[in-house]
């Protein structure tokens, strides 16, 4: 269906059906548990960085930007001898997500200015909202056009202004925030306001909306892995809303995604905490140079290097090298060479983050 007109929000629809209302409590319970366990990690950058890396990889993979974990982690080291366009795009995603988090934390609003800045960082350009017609969404296998988003620039601006008001004005719809998140995601993806980066921007909007509604404090609840596992249903249900106005199944899909992802993230954080505690005991009992800053350094990214330790611990380059080489000699880290530099892998953390 290519001539469907996208309505403005709010819609005069009762989204809170019996099935939807029945699905909400367990999803909210999972979100509350995730919010609680995340607060028990003293250095929150550990979760923002480690979980953000995985999300960036998954979200980019949905758009067929494929990179290995190894390439992704290497790209964060800025070492000579390594260049990967795919990994650079994934790093852009991490930067965009962190910038979005900074902005909504300051303003408690999710505005079009923020959305534009997120997409600008993602795509590394200032193209802004689409000004030229011709954008269509096609079936990747058949090439058939399945949906034509709004083509006129003024209409795109009008729809995005309408969406901005819907996101930030509680009077626009007083339904449950998870229902509203599903509506926002549908509307944004249907407006498809950018030439590129719509899917990745939309998935960042999901978590930022949960943050401004105080359902989460950190950007760590990411739906990309759930969407990858259910990609066919994701696109099918989006189109069913456009074609047949079948909202219930779409909203249930998104609520289920929140619950499943929250519970998976809870288990991952528990394993990260256990591993950190194990490393803490091993470091404290066997190395005079143990410090909490060193432990944090080894867990905020699976790969580290001498310069990172110098910065985080405030030690000389020689001292940092001695620390890392000693841990490498004792098999707590694995030392690798790349170009003219060395880097050090926390293999157990790497395995945790890549096990899925």
C-alpha atoms as a PDB file:
ATOM      1  CA  UNK A   1       0.000   0.000   0.000  1.00  0.00           C
ATOM      2  CA  UNK A   2       1.734   3.182  -1.157  1.00  0.00           C
ATOM      3  CA  UNK A   3      -0.916   5.917  -0.971  1.00  0.00           C
ATOM      4  CA  UNK A   4      -1.757   5.701   2.726  1.00  0.00           C
ATOM      5  CA  UNK A   5      -1.941   9.069   4.453  1.00  0.00           C
ATOM      6  CA  UNK A   6      -0.164   9.279   7.791  1.00  0.00           C
ATOM      7  CA  UNK A   7      -2.514  10.772  10.427  1.00  0.00           C
ATOM      8  CA  UNK A   8      -1.481  13.287  13.064  1.00  0.00           C
ATOM      9  CA  UNK A   9      -1.262  12.326  16.709  1.00  0.00           C
ATOM     10  CA  UNK A  10      -3.008  11.726  19.043  1.00  0.00           C
ATOM     11  CA  UNK A  11      -5.284   9.148  17.473  1.00  0.00           C
ATOM     12  CA  UNK A  12      -8.858   8.614  18.623  1.00  0.00           C
ATOM     13  CA  UNK A  13      -8.232   4.939  19.366  1.00  0.00           C
ATOM     14  CA  UNK A  14      -8.512   2.935  22.584  1.00  0.00           C
ATOM     15  CA  UNK A  15      -5.066   1.334  22.675  1.00  0.00           C
ATOM     16  CA  UNK A  16      -5.539  -0.136  26.153  1.00  0.00           C
ATOM     17  CA  UNK A  17      -7.230  -3.369  25.143  1.00  0.00           C
ATOM     18  CA  UNK A  18      -7.567  -6.278  27.568  1.00  0.00           C
ATOM     19  CA  UNK A  19      -4.574  -8.075  26.050  1.00  0.00           C
ATOM     20  CA  UNK A  20      -2.424  -4.966  26.191  1.00  0.00           C
ATOM     21  CA  UNK A  21      -3.369  -4.165  29.792  1.00  0.00           C
ATOM     22  CA  UNK A  22      -2.633  -7.765  30.759  1.00  0.00           C
ATOM     23  CA  UNK A  23       0.855  -7.566  29.214  1.00  0.00           C
ATOM     24  CA  UNK A  24       1.908  -4.324  30.886  1.00  0.00           C
ATOM     25  CA  UNK A  25       2.495  -5.270  34.575  1.00  0.00           C
ATOM     26  CA  UNK A  26       5.207  -7.872  33.935  1.00  0.00           C
ATOM     27  CA  UNK A  27       6.972  -5.553  31.482  1.00  0.00           C
ATOM     28  CA  UNK A  28       6.972  -2.731  34.035  1.00  0.00           C
ATOM     29  CA  UNK A  29       8.192  -5.118  36.735  1.00  0.00           C
ATOM     30  CA  UNK A  30      11.126  -6.111  34.513  1.00  0.00           C
ATOM     31  CA  UNK A  31      11.923  -2.449  33.808  1.00  0.00           C
ATOM     32  CA  UNK A  32      11.849  -1.619  37.531  1.00  0.00           C
ATOM     33  CA  UNK A  33      14.138  -4.535  38.326  1.00  0.00           C
ATOM     34  CA  UNK A  34      16.561  -3.466  35.592  1.00  0.00           C
ATOM     35  CA  UNK A  35      16.565   0.116  36.862  1.00  0.00           C
ATOM     36  CA  UNK A  36      17.333  -1.155  40.347  1.00  0.00           C
ATOM     37  CA  UNK A  37      20.162  -3.519  39.468  1.00  0.00           C
ATOM     38  CA  UNK A  38      21.762  -0.931  37.172  1.00  0.00           C
ATOM     39  CA  UNK A  39      21.996   1.448  40.132  1.00  0.00           C
ATOM     40  CA  UNK A  40      24.131  -1.101  42.025  1.00  0.00           C
ATOM     41  CA  UNK A  41      27.041  -0.691  39.585  1.00  0.00           C
ATOM     42  CA  UNK A  42      29.102   2.140  41.149  1.00  0.00           C
ATOM     43  CA  UNK A  43      30.607   3.360  37.872  1.00  0.00           C
ATOM     44  CA  UNK A  44      27.659   3.777  35.521  1.00  0.00           C
ATOM     45  CA  UNK A  45      29.933   4.304  32.507  1.00  0.00           C
ATOM     46  CA  UNK A  46      30.695   0.597  32.693  1.00  0.00           C
ATOM     47  CA  UNK A  47      27.114  -0.247  31.721  1.00  0.00           C
ATOM     48  CA  UNK A  48      26.668   2.659  29.315  1.00  0.00           C
ATOM     49  CA  UNK A  49      29.826   1.674  27.437  1.00  0.00           C
ATOM     50  CA  UNK A  50      29.663  -2.118  27.491  1.00  0.00           C
ATOM     51  CA  UNK A  51      25.943  -2.446  26.768  1.00  0.00           C
ATOM     52  CA  UNK A  52      26.078   0.480  24.363  1.00  0.00           C
ATOM     53  CA  UNK A  53      28.735  -1.278  22.307  1.00  0.00           C
ATOM     54  CA  UNK A  54      26.512  -4.330  21.890  1.00  0.00           C
ATOM     55  CA  UNK A  55      23.479  -2.224  21.025  1.00  0.00           C
ATOM     56  CA  UNK A  56      25.418  -0.221  18.450  1.00  0.00           C
ATOM     57  CA  UNK A  57      26.495  -3.429  16.767  1.00  0.00           C
ATOM     58  CA  UNK A  58      22.979  -4.915  16.805  1.00  0.00           C
ATOM     59  CA  UNK A  59      21.178  -1.769  15.697  1.00  0.00           C
ATOM     60  CA  UNK A  60      23.596  -1.281  12.818  1.00  0.00           C
ATOM     61  CA  UNK A  61      23.248  -4.935  11.815  1.00  0.00           C
ATOM     62  CA  UNK A  62      19.505  -4.406  11.274  1.00  0.00           C
ATOM     63  CA  UNK A  63      20.494  -1.886   8.591  1.00  0.00           C
ATOM     64  CA  UNK A  64      23.018  -4.369   7.118  1.00  0.00           C
ATOM     65  CA  UNK A  65      26.012  -2.533   8.589  1.00  0.00           C
ATOM     66  CA  UNK A  66      27.904  -5.601   9.715  1.00  0.00           C
ATOM     67  CA  UNK A  67      30.999  -5.571  11.873  1.00  0.00           C
ATOM     68  CA  UNK A  68      32.635  -8.156  14.099  1.00  0.00           C
ATOM     69  CA  UNK A  69      32.935  -7.620  17.837  1.00  0.00           C
ATOM     70  CA  UNK A  70      36.696  -7.584  17.427  1.00  0.00           C
ATOM     71  CA  UNK A  71      36.607  -4.841  14.790  1.00  0.00           C
ATOM     72  CA  UNK A  72      34.121  -2.847  16.855  1.00  0.00           C
ATOM     73  CA  UNK A  73      36.189  -3.023  20.029  1.00  0.00           C
ATOM     74  CA  UNK A  74      39.415  -2.242  18.155  1.00  0.00           C
ATOM     75  CA  UNK A  75      37.865   0.847  16.604  1.00  0.00           C
ATOM     76  CA  UNK A  76      37.358   2.309  20.073  1.00  0.00           C
ATOM     77  CA  UNK A  77      41.114   2.189  20.674  1.00  0.00           C
ATOM     78  CA  UNK A  78      42.063   4.586  17.839  1.00  0.00           C
ATOM     79  CA  UNK A  79      45.174   2.567  17.110  1.00  0.00           C
ATOM     80  CA  UNK A  80      47.312   2.953  14.012  1.00  0.00           C
ATOM     81  CA  UNK A  81      46.887   0.133  11.535  1.00  0.00           C
ATOM     82  CA  UNK A  82      43.157  -0.334  11.947  1.00  0.00           C
ATOM     83  CA  UNK A  83      40.480   1.219   9.810  1.00  0.00           C
ATOM     84  CA  UNK A  84      36.995  -0.159   9.212  1.00  0.00           C
ATOM     85  CA  UNK A  85      34.181   1.911   7.730  1.00  0.00           C
ATOM     86  CA  UNK A  86      31.590  -0.425   9.239  1.00  0.00           C
ATOM     87  CA  UNK A  87      33.129  -0.147  12.698  1.00  0.00           C
ATOM     88  CA  UNK A  88      33.314   3.643  12.296  1.00  0.00           C
ATOM     89  CA  UNK A  89      29.566   3.743  11.585  1.00  0.00           C
ATOM     90  CA  UNK A  90      28.904   1.647  14.668  1.00  0.00           C
ATOM     91  CA  UNK A  91      31.090   3.999  16.724  1.00  0.00           C
ATOM     92  CA  UNK A  92      29.004   6.881  15.364  1.00  0.00           C
ATOM     93  CA  UNK A  93      25.952   5.133  16.775  1.00  0.00           C
ATOM     94  CA  UNK A  94      27.557   4.966  20.222  1.00  0.00           C
ATOM     95  CA  UNK A  95      28.431   8.673  20.031  1.00  0.00           C
ATOM     96  CA  UNK A  96      24.895   9.566  18.899  1.00  0.00           C
ATOM     97  CA  UNK A  97      23.304   7.555  21.698  1.00  0.00           C
ATOM     98  CA  UNK A  98      25.540   9.129  24.351  1.00  0.00           C
ATOM     99  CA  UNK A  99      24.867  12.629  23.014  1.00  0.00           C
ATOM    100  CA  UNK A 100      21.128  11.998  23.028  1.00  0.00           C
ATOM    101  CA  UNK A 101      21.374  10.795  26.621  1.00  0.00           C
ATOM    102  CA  UNK A 102      23.269  13.953  27.619  1.00  0.00           C
ATOM    103  CA  UNK A 103      20.664  16.198  26.010  1.00  0.00           C
ATOM    104  CA  UNK A 104      17.555  14.540  27.466  1.00  0.00           C
ATOM    105  CA  UNK A 105      19.230  14.341  30.883  1.00  0.00           C
ATOM    106  CA  UNK A 106      19.689  18.116  30.784  1.00  0.00           C
ATOM    107  CA  UNK A 107      16.317  19.135  29.361  1.00  0.00           C
ATOM    108  CA  UNK A 108      13.976  16.247  30.301  1.00  0.00           C
ATOM    109  CA  UNK A 109      12.573  16.692  26.796  1.00  0.00           C
ATOM    110  CA  UNK A 110      12.998  14.813  23.531  1.00  0.00           C
ATOM    111  CA  UNK A 111      12.823  17.517  20.892  1.00  0.00           C
ATOM    112  CA  UNK A 112      13.299  17.588  17.139  1.00  0.00           C
ATOM    113  CA  UNK A 113      16.525  19.501  17.735  1.00  0.00           C
ATOM    114  CA  UNK A 114      17.824  16.530  19.717  1.00  0.00           C
ATOM    115  CA  UNK A 115      16.585  14.048  17.108  1.00  0.00           C
ATOM    116  CA  UNK A 116      18.318  16.029  14.354  1.00  0.00           C
ATOM    117  CA  UNK A 117      21.567  16.110  16.320  1.00  0.00           C
ATOM    118  CA  UNK A 118      21.400  12.349  16.924  1.00  0.00           C
ATOM    119  CA  UNK A 119      20.938  11.672  13.207  1.00  0.00           C
ATOM    120  CA  UNK A 120      23.680  14.137  12.273  1.00  0.00           C
ATOM    121  CA  UNK A 121      26.169  12.258  14.465  1.00  0.00           C
ATOM    122  CA  UNK A 122      24.963   8.908  13.144  1.00  0.00           C
ATOM    123  CA  UNK A 123      25.375   9.837   9.507  1.00  0.00           C
ATOM    124  CA  UNK A 124      28.212  12.334   9.935  1.00  0.00           C
ATOM    125  CA  UNK A 125      26.416  14.920   7.807  1.00  0.00           C
ATOM    126  CA  UNK A 126      23.988  17.814   8.109  1.00  0.00           C
ATOM    127  CA  UNK A 127      21.401  16.660   5.583  1.00  0.00           C
ATOM    128  CA  UNK A 128      18.547  17.187   8.048  1.00  0.00           C
ATOM    129  CA  UNK A 129      14.962  16.296   7.219  1.00  0.00           C
ATOM    130  CA  UNK A 130      14.276  15.070   3.680  1.00  0.00           C
ATOM    131  CA  UNK A 131      13.726  17.903   1.209  1.00  0.00           C
ATOM    132  CA  UNK A 132      13.557  15.911  -2.046  1.00  0.00           C
ATOM    133  CA  UNK A 133      10.897  13.361  -3.036  1.00  0.00           C
ATOM    134  CA  UNK A 134      11.710   9.811  -4.093  1.00  0.00           C
ATOM    135  CA  UNK A 135      12.167   7.926  -0.823  1.00  0.00           C
ATOM    136  CA  UNK A 136      10.287   4.615  -0.733  1.00  0.00           C
ATOM    137  CA  UNK A 137      10.552   1.495   1.402  1.00  0.00           C
ATOM    138  CA  UNK A 138      10.986  -1.699  -0.599  1.00  0.00           C
ATOM    139  CA  UNK A 139      10.919  -5.417   0.018  1.00  0.00           C
ATOM    140  CA  UNK A 140      14.604  -6.389   0.201  1.00  0.00           C
ATOM    141  CA  UNK A 141      13.977  -9.653  -1.650  1.00  0.00           C
ATOM    142  CA  UNK A 142      11.473  -8.677  -4.352  1.00  0.00           C
ATOM    143  CA  UNK A 143      12.220  -4.973  -4.809  1.00  0.00           C
ATOM    144  CA  UNK A 144       8.494  -4.261  -4.501  1.00  0.00           C
ATOM    145  CA  UNK A 145       7.540  -0.923  -2.969  1.00  0.00           C
ATOM    146  CA  UNK A 146       5.698  -1.695   0.255  1.00  0.00           C
ATOM    147  CA  UNK A 147       5.354   1.816   1.679  1.00  0.00           C
ATOM    148  CA  UNK A 148       5.840   5.372   0.518  1.00  0.00           C
ATOM    149  CA  UNK A 149       6.435   7.780   3.409  1.00  0.00           C
ATOM    150  CA  UNK A 150       5.462  11.477   3.200  1.00  0.00           C
ATOM    151  CA  UNK A 151       7.313  13.129   0.317  1.00  0.00           C
ATOM    152  CA  UNK A 152       6.689  16.832   0.801  1.00  0.00           C
ATOM    153  CA  UNK A 153       9.197  18.663   3.004  1.00  0.00           C
ATOM    154  CA  UNK A 154       6.535  20.852   4.619  1.00  0.00           C
ATOM    155  CA  UNK A 155       4.456  17.796   5.473  1.00  0.00           C
ATOM    156  CA  UNK A 156       7.481  16.095   7.031  1.00  0.00           C
ATOM    157  CA  UNK A 157       8.151  19.204   9.141  1.00  0.00           C
ATOM    158  CA  UNK A 158       4.492  19.336  10.175  1.00  0.00           C
ATOM    159  CA  UNK A 159       4.403  15.659  11.127  1.00  0.00           C
ATOM    160  CA  UNK A 160       7.663  15.875  13.079  1.00  0.00           C
ATOM    161  CA  UNK A 161       6.404  18.956  14.949  1.00  0.00           C
ATOM    162  CA  UNK A 162       3.233  17.048  15.750  1.00  0.00           C
ATOM    163  CA  UNK A 163       5.297  14.062  16.948  1.00  0.00           C
ATOM    164  CA  UNK A 164       7.497  16.315  19.103  1.00  0.00           C
ATOM    165  CA  UNK A 165       4.415  17.669  20.851  1.00  0.00           C
ATOM    166  CA  UNK A 166       3.013  14.159  21.299  1.00  0.00           C
ATOM    167  CA  UNK A 167       6.264  12.949  22.885  1.00  0.00           C
ATOM    168  CA  UNK A 168       6.639  15.795  25.352  1.00  0.00           C
ATOM    169  CA  UNK A 169       3.081  16.858  26.215  1.00  0.00           C
ATOM    170  CA  UNK A 170       1.473  14.425  28.684  1.00  0.00           C
ATOM    171  CA  UNK A 171      -1.951  15.786  27.761  1.00  0.00           C
ATOM    172  CA  UNK A 172      -1.535  14.472  24.208  1.00  0.00           C
ATOM    173  CA  UNK A 173      -2.245  10.918  25.333  1.00  0.00           C
ATOM    174  CA  UNK A 174      -2.470   9.680  28.901  1.00  0.00           C
ATOM    175  CA  UNK A 175      -2.055   5.986  28.092  1.00  0.00           C
ATOM    176  CA  UNK A 176       0.705   3.848  29.595  1.00  0.00           C
ATOM    177  CA  UNK A 177       4.208   4.992  28.651  1.00  0.00           C
ATOM    178  CA  UNK A 178       5.070   1.668  26.983  1.00  0.00           C
ATOM    179  CA  UNK A 179       2.007   1.983  24.759  1.00  0.00           C
ATOM    180  CA  UNK A 180       3.007   5.534  23.950  1.00  0.00           C
ATOM    181  CA  UNK A 181       6.569   4.404  23.160  1.00  0.00           C
ATOM    182  CA  UNK A 182       5.160   1.921  20.630  1.00  0.00           C
ATOM    183  CA  UNK A 183       3.022   4.662  19.036  1.00  0.00           C
ATOM    184  CA  UNK A 184       5.991   7.050  18.876  1.00  0.00           C
ATOM    185  CA  UNK A 185       8.195   4.408  17.275  1.00  0.00           C
ATOM    186  CA  UNK A 186       5.560   3.577  14.675  1.00  0.00           C
ATOM    187  CA  UNK A 187       4.968   7.238  13.854  1.00  0.00           C
ATOM    188  CA  UNK A 188       8.650   8.113  13.547  1.00  0.00           C
ATOM    189  CA  UNK A 189       9.441   5.134  11.325  1.00  0.00           C
ATOM    190  CA  UNK A 190       6.397   5.925   9.178  1.00  0.00           C
ATOM    191  CA  UNK A 191       7.326   9.592   8.774  1.00  0.00           C
ATOM    192  CA  UNK A 192      10.808   8.331   7.846  1.00  0.00           C
ATOM    193  CA  UNK A 193      12.052  11.918   8.022  1.00  0.00           C
ATOM    194  CA  UNK A 194      15.693  11.357   7.017  1.00  0.00           C
ATOM    195  CA  UNK A 195      17.403  10.160   3.874  1.00  0.00           C
ATOM    196  CA  UNK A 196      19.270   7.623   5.997  1.00  0.00           C
ATOM    197  CA  UNK A 197      19.561   6.541   9.618  1.00  0.00           C
ATOM    198  CA  UNK A 198      15.822   6.408  10.370  1.00  0.00           C
ATOM    199  CA  UNK A 199      15.871   2.941  11.915  1.00  0.00           C
ATOM    200  CA  UNK A 200      18.875   3.584  14.129  1.00  0.00           C
ATOM    201  CA  UNK A 201      17.582   7.010  15.185  1.00  0.00           C
ATOM    202  CA  UNK A 202      14.191   5.491  15.979  1.00  0.00           C
ATOM    203  CA  UNK A 203      15.733   2.853  18.203  1.00  0.00           C
ATOM    204  CA  UNK A 204      17.681   5.505  20.115  1.00  0.00           C
ATOM    205  CA  UNK A 205      14.433   7.457  20.547  1.00  0.00           C
ATOM    206  CA  UNK A 206      12.899   4.393  22.256  1.00  0.00           C
ATOM    207  CA  UNK A 207      15.375   4.353  25.138  1.00  0.00           C
ATOM    208  CA  UNK A 208      15.497   8.146  25.447  1.00  0.00           C
ATOM    209  CA  UNK A 209      11.716   8.207  25.831  1.00  0.00           C
ATOM    210  CA  UNK A 210      11.909   5.646  28.652  1.00  0.00           C
ATOM    211  CA  UNK A 211      14.525   7.850  30.325  1.00  0.00           C
ATOM    212  CA  UNK A 212      12.508  11.076  30.174  1.00  0.00           C
ATOM    213  CA  UNK A 213       9.570   9.130  31.646  1.00  0.00           C
ATOM    214  CA  UNK A 214      11.914   7.912  34.425  1.00  0.00           C
ATOM    215  CA  UNK A 215      11.306   4.251  33.617  1.00  0.00           C
ATOM    216  CA  UNK A 216      15.090   3.984  33.256  1.00  0.00           C
ATOM    217  CA  UNK A 217      17.971   6.142  34.446  1.00  0.00           C
ATOM    218  CA  UNK A 218      20.592   4.917  31.973  1.00  0.00           C
ATOM    219  CA  UNK A 219      20.547   4.146  28.227  1.00  0.00           C
ATOM    220  CA  UNK A 220      20.907   0.380  28.642  1.00  0.00           C
ATOM    221  CA  UNK A 221      17.515  -1.044  27.574  1.00  0.00           C
ATOM    222  CA  UNK A 222      17.921  -1.709  23.868  1.00  0.00           C
ATOM    223  CA  UNK A 223      15.453  -3.493  21.601  1.00  0.00           C
ATOM    224  CA  UNK A 224      17.737  -4.099  18.617  1.00  0.00           C
ATOM    225  CA  UNK A 225      18.630  -7.691  19.477  1.00  0.00           C
ATOM    226  CA  UNK A 226      14.934  -8.480  19.955  1.00  0.00           C
ATOM    227  CA  UNK A 227      14.166  -6.884  16.586  1.00  0.00           C
ATOM    228  CA  UNK A 228      16.948  -8.881  14.895  1.00  0.00           C
ATOM    229  CA  UNK A 229      15.482 -12.109  16.270  1.00  0.00           C
ATOM    230  CA  UNK A 230      11.981 -11.075  15.161  1.00  0.00           C
ATOM    231  CA  UNK A 231      12.825  -8.922  12.147  1.00  0.00           C
ATOM    232  CA  UNK A 232      10.127 -10.341   9.876  1.00  0.00           C
ATOM    233  CA  UNK A 233       7.417  -9.751  12.493  1.00  0.00           C
ATOM    234  CA  UNK A 234       8.725  -6.250  13.205  1.00  0.00           C
ATOM    235  CA  UNK A 235       8.310  -5.076   9.619  1.00  0.00           C
ATOM    236  CA  UNK A 236       5.110  -7.073   9.087  1.00  0.00           C
ATOM    237  CA  UNK A 237       3.422  -5.534  12.122  1.00  0.00           C
ATOM    238  CA  UNK A 238       4.501  -2.010  11.205  1.00  0.00           C
ATOM    239  CA  UNK A 239       2.900  -2.479   7.819  1.00  0.00           C
ATOM    240  CA  UNK A 240      -0.238  -4.054   9.294  1.00  0.00           C
ATOM    241  CA  UNK A 241      -0.857  -0.865  11.259  1.00  0.00           C
ATOM    242  CA  UNK A 242      -0.515   1.160   8.053  1.00  0.00           C
ATOM    243  CA  UNK A 243      -2.644  -1.179   5.949  1.00  0.00           C
ATOM    244  CA  UNK A 244      -5.280  -2.382   8.402  1.00  0.00           C
ATOM    245  CA  UNK A 245      -4.946  -0.162  11.493  1.00  0.00           C
ATOM    246  CA  UNK A 246      -4.138  -3.262  13.579  1.00  0.00           C
ATOM    247  CA  UNK A 247      -2.522  -1.586  16.552  1.00  0.00           C
ATOM    248  CA  UNK A 248      -2.980  -4.233  19.230  1.00  0.00           C
ATOM    249  CA  UNK A 249      -0.542  -6.790  17.847  1.00  0.00           C
ATOM    250  CA  UNK A 250       2.095  -4.103  17.205  1.00  0.00           C
ATOM    251  CA  UNK A 251       1.817  -2.718  20.740  1.00  0.00           C
ATOM    252  CA  UNK A 252       1.956  -6.213  22.231  1.00  0.00           C
ATOM    253  CA  UNK A 253       5.072  -6.927  20.158  1.00  0.00           C
ATOM    254  CA  UNK A 254       6.806  -3.840  21.550  1.00  0.00           C
ATOM    255  CA  UNK A 255       5.731  -4.491  25.148  1.00  0.00           C
ATOM    256  CA  UNK A 256       6.996  -8.062  24.872  1.00  0.00           C
ATOM    257  CA  UNK A 257      10.256  -6.738  23.453  1.00  0.00           C
ATOM    258  CA  UNK A 258      10.713  -4.438  26.436  1.00  0.00           C
ATOM    259  CA  UNK A 259      10.086  -7.245  28.921  1.00  0.00           C
ATOM    260  CA  UNK A 260      12.285  -9.833  27.199  1.00  0.00           C
ATOM    261  CA  UNK A 261      15.118  -7.351  26.672  1.00  0.00           C
ATOM    262  CA  UNK A 262      14.923  -6.047  30.231  1.00  0.00           C
ATOM    263  CA  UNK A 263      15.160  -9.559  31.666  1.00  0.00           C
ATOM    264  CA  UNK A 264      18.073 -10.465  29.376  1.00  0.00           C
ATOM    265  CA  UNK A 265      19.855  -7.255  30.384  1.00  0.00           C
ATOM    266  CA  UNK A 266      19.277  -7.973  34.072  1.00  0.00           C
ATOM    267  CA  UNK A 267      20.974 -11.354  33.704  1.00  0.00           C
ATOM    268  CA  UNK A 268      23.862  -9.829  31.783  1.00  0.00           C
ATOM    269  CA  UNK A 269      24.409  -7.148  34.428  1.00  0.00           C
ATOM    270  CA  UNK A 270      24.374  -9.826  37.128  1.00  0.00           C
ATOM    271  CA  UNK A 271      27.104 -11.717  35.275  1.00  0.00           C
ATOM    272  CA  UNK A 272      29.128  -8.533  34.787  1.00  0.00           C
ATOM    273  CA  UNK A 273      28.850  -7.810  38.529  1.00  0.00           C
ATOM    274  CA  UNK A 274      29.979 -11.342  39.394  1.00  0.00           C
ATOM    275  CA  UNK A 275      32.939 -11.095  37.037  1.00  0.00           C
ATOM    276  CA  UNK A 276      33.901  -7.669  38.401  1.00  0.00           C
ATOM    277  CA  UNK A 277      33.805  -9.042  41.945  1.00  0.00           C
ATOM    278  CA  UNK A 278      36.007 -11.967  40.902  1.00  0.00           C
ATOM    279  CA  UNK A 279      38.519  -9.611  39.272  1.00  0.00           C
ATOM    280  CA  UNK A 280      38.425  -7.335  42.305  1.00  0.00           C
ATOM    281  CA  UNK A 281      39.404 -10.179  44.640  1.00  0.00           C
ATOM    282  CA  UNK A 282      42.112 -11.440  42.294  1.00  0.00           C
ATOM    283  CA  UNK A 283      43.573  -7.974  41.773  1.00  0.00           C
ATOM    284  CA  UNK A 284      43.387  -6.927  45.411  1.00  0.00           C
ATOM    285  CA  UNK A 285      44.915 -10.162  46.702  1.00  0.00           C
ATOM    286  CA  UNK A 286      47.718 -10.472  44.168  1.00  0.00           C
ATOM    287  CA  UNK A 287      48.748  -6.994  43.023  1.00  0.00           C
ATOM    288  CA  UNK A 288      49.967  -4.070  45.072  1.00  0.00           C
ATOM    289  CA  UNK A 289      48.841  -1.725  42.313  1.00  0.00           C
ATOM    290  CA  UNK A 290      45.147  -2.703  42.653  1.00  0.00           C
ATOM    291  CA  UNK A 291      42.698   0.211  42.682  1.00  0.00           C
ATOM    292  CA  UNK A 292      39.007   0.679  41.977  1.00  0.00           C
ATOM    293  CA  UNK A 293      39.980   2.950  39.073  1.00  0.00           C
ATOM    294  CA  UNK A 294      41.986   0.115  37.527  1.00  0.00           C
ATOM    295  CA  UNK A 295      39.072  -2.288  37.922  1.00  0.00           C
ATOM    296  CA  UNK A 296      36.720   0.229  36.323  1.00  0.00           C
ATOM    297  CA  UNK A 297      39.152   0.686  33.436  1.00  0.00           C
ATOM    298  CA  UNK A 298      39.206  -3.046  32.726  1.00  0.00           C
ATOM    299  CA  UNK A 299      35.398  -3.251  32.656  1.00  0.00           C
ATOM    300  CA  UNK A 300      34.182  -0.135  30.892  1.00  0.00           C
ATOM    301  CA  UNK A 301      35.441  -1.547  27.594  1.00  0.00           C
ATOM    302  CA  UNK A 302      36.593  -5.101  26.757  1.00  0.00           C
ATOM    303  CA  UNK A 303      39.771  -3.682  25.190  1.00  0.00           C
ATOM    304  CA  UNK A 304      42.086  -1.203  26.880  1.00  0.00           C
ATOM    305  CA  UNK A 305      45.482   0.323  26.197  1.00  0.00           C
ATOM    306  CA  UNK A 306      48.267   2.137  27.996  1.00  0.00           C
ATOM    307  CA  UNK A 307      46.877   5.605  27.232  1.00  0.00           C
ATOM    308  CA  UNK A 308      43.521   4.739  28.789  1.00  0.00           C
ATOM    309  CA  UNK A 309      45.173   3.576  32.013  1.00  0.00           C
ATOM    310  CA  UNK A 310      47.337   6.720  32.112  1.00  0.00           C
ATOM    311  CA  UNK A 311      44.207   8.867  31.834  1.00  0.00           C
ATOM    312  CA  UNK A 312      41.993   6.896  34.240  1.00  0.00           C
ATOM    313  CA  UNK A 313      44.571   6.268  36.956  1.00  0.00           C
ATOM    314  CA  UNK A 314      46.701   9.393  36.642  1.00  0.00           C
ATOM    315  CA  UNK A 315      49.941   7.390  36.380  1.00  0.00           C
ATOM    316  CA  UNK A 316      52.903   7.646  34.023  1.00  0.00           C
ATOM    317  CA  UNK A 317      53.010   5.787  30.741  1.00  0.00           C
ATOM    318  CA  UNK A 318      55.753   3.504  32.047  1.00  0.00           C
ATOM    319  CA  UNK A 319      53.731   2.649  35.153  1.00  0.00           C
ATOM    320  CA  UNK A 320      50.597   1.967  33.103  1.00  0.00           C
ATOM    321  CA  UNK A 321      52.565  -0.290  30.751  1.00  0.00           C
ATOM    322  CA  UNK A 322      54.001  -2.189  33.719  1.00  0.00           C
ATOM    323  CA  UNK A 323      50.514  -2.749  35.164  1.00  0.00           C
ATOM    324  CA  UNK A 324      49.043  -4.027  31.910  1.00  0.00           C
ATOM    325  CA  UNK A 325      52.027  -6.179  31.007  1.00  0.00           C
ATOM    326  CA  UNK A 326      52.023  -7.812  34.441  1.00  0.00           C
ATOM    327  CA  UNK A 327      48.306  -8.621  34.124  1.00  0.00           C
ATOM    328  CA  UNK A 328      48.978  -9.960  30.640  1.00  0.00           C
ATOM    329  CA  UNK A 329      51.870 -12.133  31.862  1.00  0.00           C
ATOM    330  CA  UNK A 330      49.549 -13.565  34.532  1.00  0.00           C
ATOM    331  CA  UNK A 331      46.794 -14.290  31.960  1.00  0.00           C
ATOM    332  CA  UNK A 332      44.282 -11.853  33.456  1.00  0.00           C
ATOM    333  CA  UNK A 333      44.472  -9.905  30.204  1.00  0.00           C
ATOM    334  CA  UNK A 334      45.517 -10.925  26.717  1.00  0.00           C
ATOM    335  CA  UNK A 335      48.054  -8.677  24.997  1.00  0.00           C
ATOM    336  CA  UNK A 336      47.732  -8.086  21.269  1.00  0.00           C
ATOM    337  CA  UNK A 337      49.700  -5.948  18.811  1.00  0.00           C
ATOM    338  CA  UNK A 338      48.081  -3.777  16.169  1.00  0.00           C
ATOM    339  CA  UNK A 339      50.057  -1.414  13.963  1.00  0.00           C
ATOM    340  CA  UNK A 340      52.559   0.383  16.158  1.00  0.00           C
ATOM    341  CA  UNK A 341      50.599  -0.102  19.372  1.00  0.00           C
ATOM    342  CA  UNK A 342      49.516  -2.758  21.834  1.00  0.00           C
ATOM    343  CA  UNK A 343      46.110  -3.352  23.301  1.00  0.00           C
ATOM    344  CA  UNK A 344      44.910  -5.604  26.097  1.00  0.00           C
ATOM    345  CA  UNK A 345      41.755  -7.725  26.097  1.00  0.00           C
ATOM    346  CA  UNK A 346      39.624  -8.576  29.098  1.00  0.00           C
ATOM    347  CA  UNK A 347      38.776 -11.932  27.531  1.00  0.00           C
ATOM    348  CA  UNK A 348      36.211 -12.935  30.143  1.00  0.00           C
ATOM    349  CA  UNK A 349      34.282  -9.687  29.663  1.00  0.00           C
ATOM    350  CA  UNK A 350      34.587 -10.073  25.899  1.00  0.00           C
ATOM    351  CA  UNK A 351      33.067 -13.555  26.143  1.00  0.00           C
ATOM    352  CA  UNK A 352      30.191 -12.274  28.277  1.00  0.00           C
ATOM    353  CA  UNK A 353      29.288  -9.537  25.821  1.00  0.00           C
ATOM    354  CA  UNK A 354      29.544 -11.714  22.720  1.00  0.00           C
ATOM    355  CA  UNK A 355      27.940 -14.911  23.965  1.00  0.00           C
ATOM    356  CA  UNK A 356      24.446 -14.281  22.558  1.00  0.00           C
END
